[in-house]
Protein backbone atom coordinates (compact mmCIF):
# COMPACT_ATOMS: atom_id res chain seq x y z
CA MET A 1 83.64 140.62 149.11
CA THR A 2 84.96 143.65 150.99
CA PHE A 3 88.56 144.82 151.06
CA GLY A 4 88.98 143.49 154.60
CA GLU A 5 87.65 140.07 153.62
CA LYS A 6 89.95 139.94 150.62
CA LEU A 7 92.97 140.93 152.71
CA LEU A 8 92.13 138.27 155.31
CA LYS A 9 91.75 135.64 152.57
CA LEU A 10 95.01 136.58 150.87
CA ARG A 11 96.91 136.64 154.16
CA LYS A 12 95.71 133.18 155.13
CA GLU A 13 96.46 131.80 151.65
CA LYS A 14 99.99 133.14 152.02
CA GLY A 15 100.27 131.60 155.50
CA LEU A 16 101.06 134.91 157.17
CA SER A 17 100.07 136.06 160.63
CA GLN A 18 98.89 139.61 161.18
CA GLU A 19 102.26 140.36 162.79
CA ALA A 20 104.18 138.95 159.83
CA LEU A 21 102.08 140.91 157.33
CA ALA A 22 102.47 144.08 159.38
CA GLU A 23 106.25 143.64 159.35
CA LYS A 24 106.32 143.26 155.57
CA LEU A 25 104.20 146.40 155.18
CA ASN A 26 106.16 148.42 157.76
CA THR A 27 103.06 148.95 159.87
CA THR A 28 101.50 147.60 163.08
CA ARG A 29 99.46 144.48 163.76
CA GLN A 30 96.66 146.71 165.03
CA ALA A 31 96.49 148.48 161.67
CA VAL A 32 96.24 145.16 159.81
CA SER A 33 93.52 144.01 162.22
CA LYS A 34 91.49 147.19 161.61
CA TRP A 35 91.77 146.78 157.82
CA GLU A 36 90.58 143.19 157.99
CA ASN A 37 87.68 144.16 160.26
CA GLY A 38 86.52 146.83 157.83
CA GLN A 39 87.45 149.71 160.13
CA GLY A 40 89.52 151.55 157.57
CA TYR A 41 91.68 151.38 154.47
CA PRO A 42 95.47 151.54 154.17
CA GLU A 43 97.09 154.51 152.47
CA THR A 44 97.93 154.32 148.78
CA GLU A 45 101.53 153.23 149.33
CA LYS A 46 100.41 150.36 151.57
CA LEU A 47 97.76 149.30 149.05
CA LEU A 48 100.38 149.08 146.33
CA MET A 49 102.67 147.10 148.63
CA ILE A 50 99.81 144.70 149.40
CA GLY A 51 99.14 144.26 145.68
CA ASN A 52 102.80 143.48 145.03
CA LEU A 53 103.06 141.11 147.98
CA PHE A 54 100.00 139.05 147.03
CA GLU A 55 100.38 139.61 143.26
CA VAL A 56 96.92 141.06 142.78
CA SER A 57 95.73 144.25 141.11
CA MET A 58 94.40 147.40 142.71
CA ASP A 59 91.09 146.71 140.95
CA TYR A 60 90.79 143.42 142.79
CA LEU A 61 91.56 144.98 146.16
CA LEU A 62 89.23 147.96 145.84
CA LYS A 63 86.35 146.74 143.65
CA GLU A 64 83.61 144.25 144.36
CA THR A 65 85.14 141.31 142.50
CA VAL A 66 86.31 137.83 143.37
CA GLN A 67 88.84 137.48 140.57
CA PRO A 68 92.29 138.13 142.06
CA HIS A 69 94.13 138.01 138.74
CA PRO A 70 92.72 140.21 135.98
CA ASN A 71 93.10 139.21 132.37
CA GLU A 72 94.74 142.51 131.54
CA GLU A 73 98.39 142.37 132.60
CA GLU A 74 98.55 146.14 132.35
CA ALA A 75 96.45 146.39 135.53
CA ARG A 76 99.35 144.98 137.52
CA GLY A 77 102.54 146.67 138.49
CA TYR A 78 105.41 146.51 140.93
CA TYR A 79 105.37 149.34 143.47
CA VAL A 80 108.75 150.96 144.07
CA ASN A 81 109.16 153.31 147.01
CA LYS A 82 111.77 156.06 147.16
CA GLU A 83 114.16 154.10 149.38
CA THR A 84 114.20 151.13 146.98
CA ALA A 85 114.72 153.32 143.91
CA GLU A 86 117.57 155.26 145.51
CA ALA A 87 119.22 152.04 146.71
CA TYR A 88 118.97 150.63 143.17
CA LEU A 89 120.59 153.71 141.66
CA MET A 90 123.42 153.52 144.20
CA HIS A 91 123.86 149.80 143.48
CA GLU A 92 124.11 150.45 139.74
CA ARG A 93 126.67 153.23 140.26
CA ARG A 94 128.82 150.93 142.36
CA THR A 95 128.51 147.98 140.00
CA SER A 96 129.18 150.07 136.89
CA LYS A 97 132.44 151.32 138.41
CA PHE A 98 133.82 147.79 138.66
CA VAL A 99 132.51 146.75 135.25
CA ALA A 100 134.05 149.81 133.60
CA LEU A 101 137.37 149.26 135.38
CA GLY A 102 137.33 145.62 134.34
CA PHE A 103 136.89 146.35 130.64
CA GLY A 104 139.32 149.26 130.77
CA LEU A 105 142.07 147.16 132.40
CA LEU A 106 141.59 144.28 129.97
CA ILE A 107 142.11 146.66 127.05
CA PHE A 108 145.01 148.37 128.82
CA SER A 109 146.72 144.99 129.28
CA THR A 110 147.77 145.21 125.62
CA VAL A 111 149.97 148.24 126.36
CA PRO A 112 152.93 146.31 127.91
CA TYR A 113 153.27 144.25 124.73
CA LEU A 114 153.34 147.41 122.61
CA VAL A 115 155.93 149.02 124.88
CA PHE A 116 158.20 146.03 125.63
CA LYS A 117 158.00 144.05 122.39
CA GLN A 118 161.67 143.10 122.69
CA GLU A 119 161.32 141.91 126.30
CA PRO A 120 158.87 138.93 126.37
CA ALA A 121 159.43 138.23 130.06
CA ILE A 122 158.52 141.79 131.03
CA TYR A 123 155.46 142.25 128.85
CA THR A 124 154.13 138.76 129.64
CA PHE A 125 154.33 139.42 133.37
CA LEU A 126 152.69 142.84 133.07
CA ILE A 127 149.94 141.56 130.77
CA ILE A 128 149.07 138.80 133.24
CA VAL A 129 149.00 141.19 136.21
CA ILE A 130 146.84 143.81 134.49
CA ALA A 131 144.50 141.25 132.91
CA VAL A 132 144.01 139.48 136.23
CA LEU A 133 143.16 142.82 137.84
CA GLY A 134 140.63 143.46 135.07
CA ILE A 135 139.02 140.04 135.48
CA GLY A 136 138.98 140.61 139.24
CA MET A 137 137.02 143.83 138.74
CA LEU A 138 134.43 142.04 136.59
CA VAL A 139 134.10 139.19 139.11
CA THR A 140 133.68 141.77 141.88
CA ALA A 141 130.88 143.44 139.92
CA ILE A 142 129.11 140.10 139.49
CA SER A 143 129.56 139.17 143.15
CA ILE A 144 128.17 142.43 144.54
CA ASP A 145 125.00 141.41 146.31
CA GLY A 146 121.90 143.08 145.02
CA ASP A 147 118.45 142.89 146.55
CA ASN A 148 116.13 140.51 144.68
CA THR A 149 113.91 143.55 144.26
CA TYR A 150 116.39 144.89 141.69
CA LYS A 151 115.66 141.91 139.44
CA ALA A 152 111.96 142.71 139.60
CA LEU A 153 112.69 146.29 138.57
CA LYS A 154 114.05 145.02 135.26
CA LYS A 155 111.17 142.64 134.57
CA GLU A 156 107.92 144.20 135.76
CA PRO A 157 105.93 147.38 135.07
CA LEU A 158 106.76 149.81 137.85
CA LEU A 159 104.55 152.02 139.99
CA PHE A 160 105.81 155.11 141.83
CA ASP A 161 104.37 157.83 143.99
CA PRO A 162 103.55 160.60 141.47
CA GLY A 163 105.57 163.21 143.37
CA TYR A 164 108.69 161.07 143.53
CA LEU A 165 108.38 160.03 139.88
CA LYS A 166 108.27 163.69 138.89
CA GLU A 167 111.40 164.33 140.96
CA LEU A 168 113.11 161.29 139.42
CA ALA A 169 112.21 162.42 135.90
CA ALA A 170 113.76 165.84 136.57
CA ARG A 171 116.94 164.20 137.86
CA TYR A 172 117.02 161.97 134.78
CA GLU A 173 116.91 165.01 132.50
CA GLN A 174 119.74 166.59 134.49
CA ALA A 175 121.72 163.36 134.28
CA LYS A 176 121.25 163.27 130.51
CA ARG A 177 122.55 166.82 130.12
CA ARG A 178 125.53 165.95 132.31
CA CYS A 179 126.27 162.45 131.01
CA ASN A 180 125.67 162.71 127.25
CA PRO A 181 128.72 164.96 126.62
CA VAL A 182 130.85 162.61 128.75
CA ILE A 183 129.61 159.62 126.73
CA VAL A 184 130.53 161.44 123.53
CA VAL A 185 134.06 162.01 124.88
CA GLY A 186 134.37 158.31 125.68
CA VAL A 187 133.16 157.28 122.22
CA CYS A 188 135.56 159.76 120.56
CA LEU A 189 138.51 158.34 122.50
CA ILE A 190 137.57 154.79 121.49
CA LEU A 191 137.10 155.73 117.84
CA THR A 192 140.30 157.78 117.68
CA GLY A 193 142.40 154.97 119.12
CA GLY A 194 140.70 152.34 117.00
CA LEU A 195 141.08 154.42 113.84
CA ALA A 196 144.83 154.67 114.37
CA PHE A 197 145.18 150.89 114.47
CA LEU A 198 142.88 150.53 111.45
CA LEU A 199 144.88 153.01 109.37
CA GLU A 200 148.09 151.15 110.12
CA LYS A 201 146.53 147.79 109.38
CA LYS A 202 145.37 149.07 105.98
CA GLU A 203 148.91 150.48 105.46
CA ILE A 204 147.47 153.92 104.85
CA THR A 205 149.83 155.75 107.21
CA SER A 206 152.90 153.66 106.34
CA GLY A 207 154.04 153.03 109.90
CA ILE A 208 153.95 156.64 111.07
CA LEU A 209 151.56 155.83 113.91
CA VAL A 210 153.23 152.62 115.12
CA PRO A 211 155.41 154.36 117.78
CA TYR A 212 152.24 155.82 119.27
CA TYR A 213 150.41 152.49 119.57
CA PRO A 214 150.71 152.39 123.40
CA GLY A 215 149.10 155.81 123.65
CA PHE A 216 146.28 154.84 121.33
CA ALA A 217 145.64 151.61 123.27
CA ALA A 218 145.55 153.57 126.52
CA MET A 219 143.18 156.03 124.86
CA ILE A 220 140.79 153.19 123.98
CA ALA A 221 140.99 151.83 127.54
CA VAL A 222 140.18 155.22 129.08
CA GLY A 223 137.39 155.79 126.55
CA MET A 224 135.89 152.40 127.36
CA TYR A 225 135.92 153.16 131.10
CA ILE A 226 134.24 156.53 130.57
CA PHE A 227 131.66 155.12 128.16
CA VAL A 228 130.65 152.06 130.20
CA ARG A 229 130.58 153.85 133.55
CA THR A 230 128.54 156.82 132.37
CA LEU A 231 126.13 154.90 130.15
CA ALA A 232 125.33 152.41 132.94
CA VAL A 233 124.40 155.20 135.35
CA LEU A 234 122.21 156.85 132.72
CA GLU A 235 120.52 153.55 131.87
CA ALA A 236 119.72 152.98 135.55
CA TYR A 237 117.78 156.25 135.62
CA LYS A 238 116.15 155.45 132.30
CA LEU A 239 114.96 152.04 133.54
CA LEU A 240 113.02 153.74 136.32
CA VAL A 241 111.75 156.83 134.54
CA LYS A 242 111.11 155.31 131.09
CA ASN A 243 109.98 151.96 132.47
CA GLU A 244 107.09 151.62 130.03
CA GLU A 245 109.48 151.73 127.08
CA HIS A 246 111.68 149.08 128.72
CA VAL A 247 108.76 146.74 129.46
CA ASN A 248 107.30 147.14 125.97
CA ARG A 249 110.52 146.22 124.20
CA LEU A 250 110.21 143.11 122.08
CA GLY A 251 112.81 141.26 124.15
CA ALA A 252 111.04 142.07 127.39
CA LYS A 253 107.71 140.90 126.00
CA LEU A 254 109.20 137.63 124.78
CA LEU A 255 110.80 137.02 128.17
CA LYS A 256 107.50 137.68 129.92
CA LYS A 257 105.67 135.23 127.63
CA ALA A 258 108.36 132.61 128.17
CA ARG A 259 108.12 133.00 131.96
CA LYS A 260 104.34 132.67 131.78
CA LYS A 261 104.57 129.45 129.75
CA ILE A 262 107.04 128.00 132.22
CA GLU A 263 104.72 128.87 135.11
CA ASP A 264 101.79 127.23 133.29
CA LEU A 265 103.79 124.04 132.91
């Protein structure tokens, strides 16, 4: 079975017209017609997009075989073009901002109580306002629409154009050099603030640090914002560049097996 015959078969099984397939592949109906008639082959990017669309391997498309689904899962992968990868990184930056603000505000909502202990009406009102703002930030992060493609990025082995992957890897290394010191600062702020409360709880400092509780709580809140925001951005890069590590994690493998069993049922 030739490539054109396979493409025609897959398109009909999917119930797509040549126009519909061309639209999904960002090409013309004439190009699809030529491929199906054996008058040429699509470029590598289009081949990968075809494989993703019909959930078949490159081996199936290009070799003389009639088995659309190889036994080796490693032969499959989800092709990610530059536009999709950049949009995903932007989405994660935007989402991480709201998540970090949400956690930071929830922690900061303890400050009014520490400052206005003798004024219940004041600290109760301020706690409610700040906590509601924090919850609002988290809800906003959850409600931000993300392309369904982003879910696939976290579940499937990814395929990139070699040139773009090299560029992405270089940017990831730059991001690590830039973000790791910032993450350390965030962790130090969290630990410093938390240590102050721990020392007082264990009665080691004999109340010396109590007047500074609001400052320590604010320090933890700021540290949490810095830590969550920066780590999320770095993890977004890592998911793309170090995708093999992500897919091969035990949790990811278990999830994949569970999804396969569900599909079999």
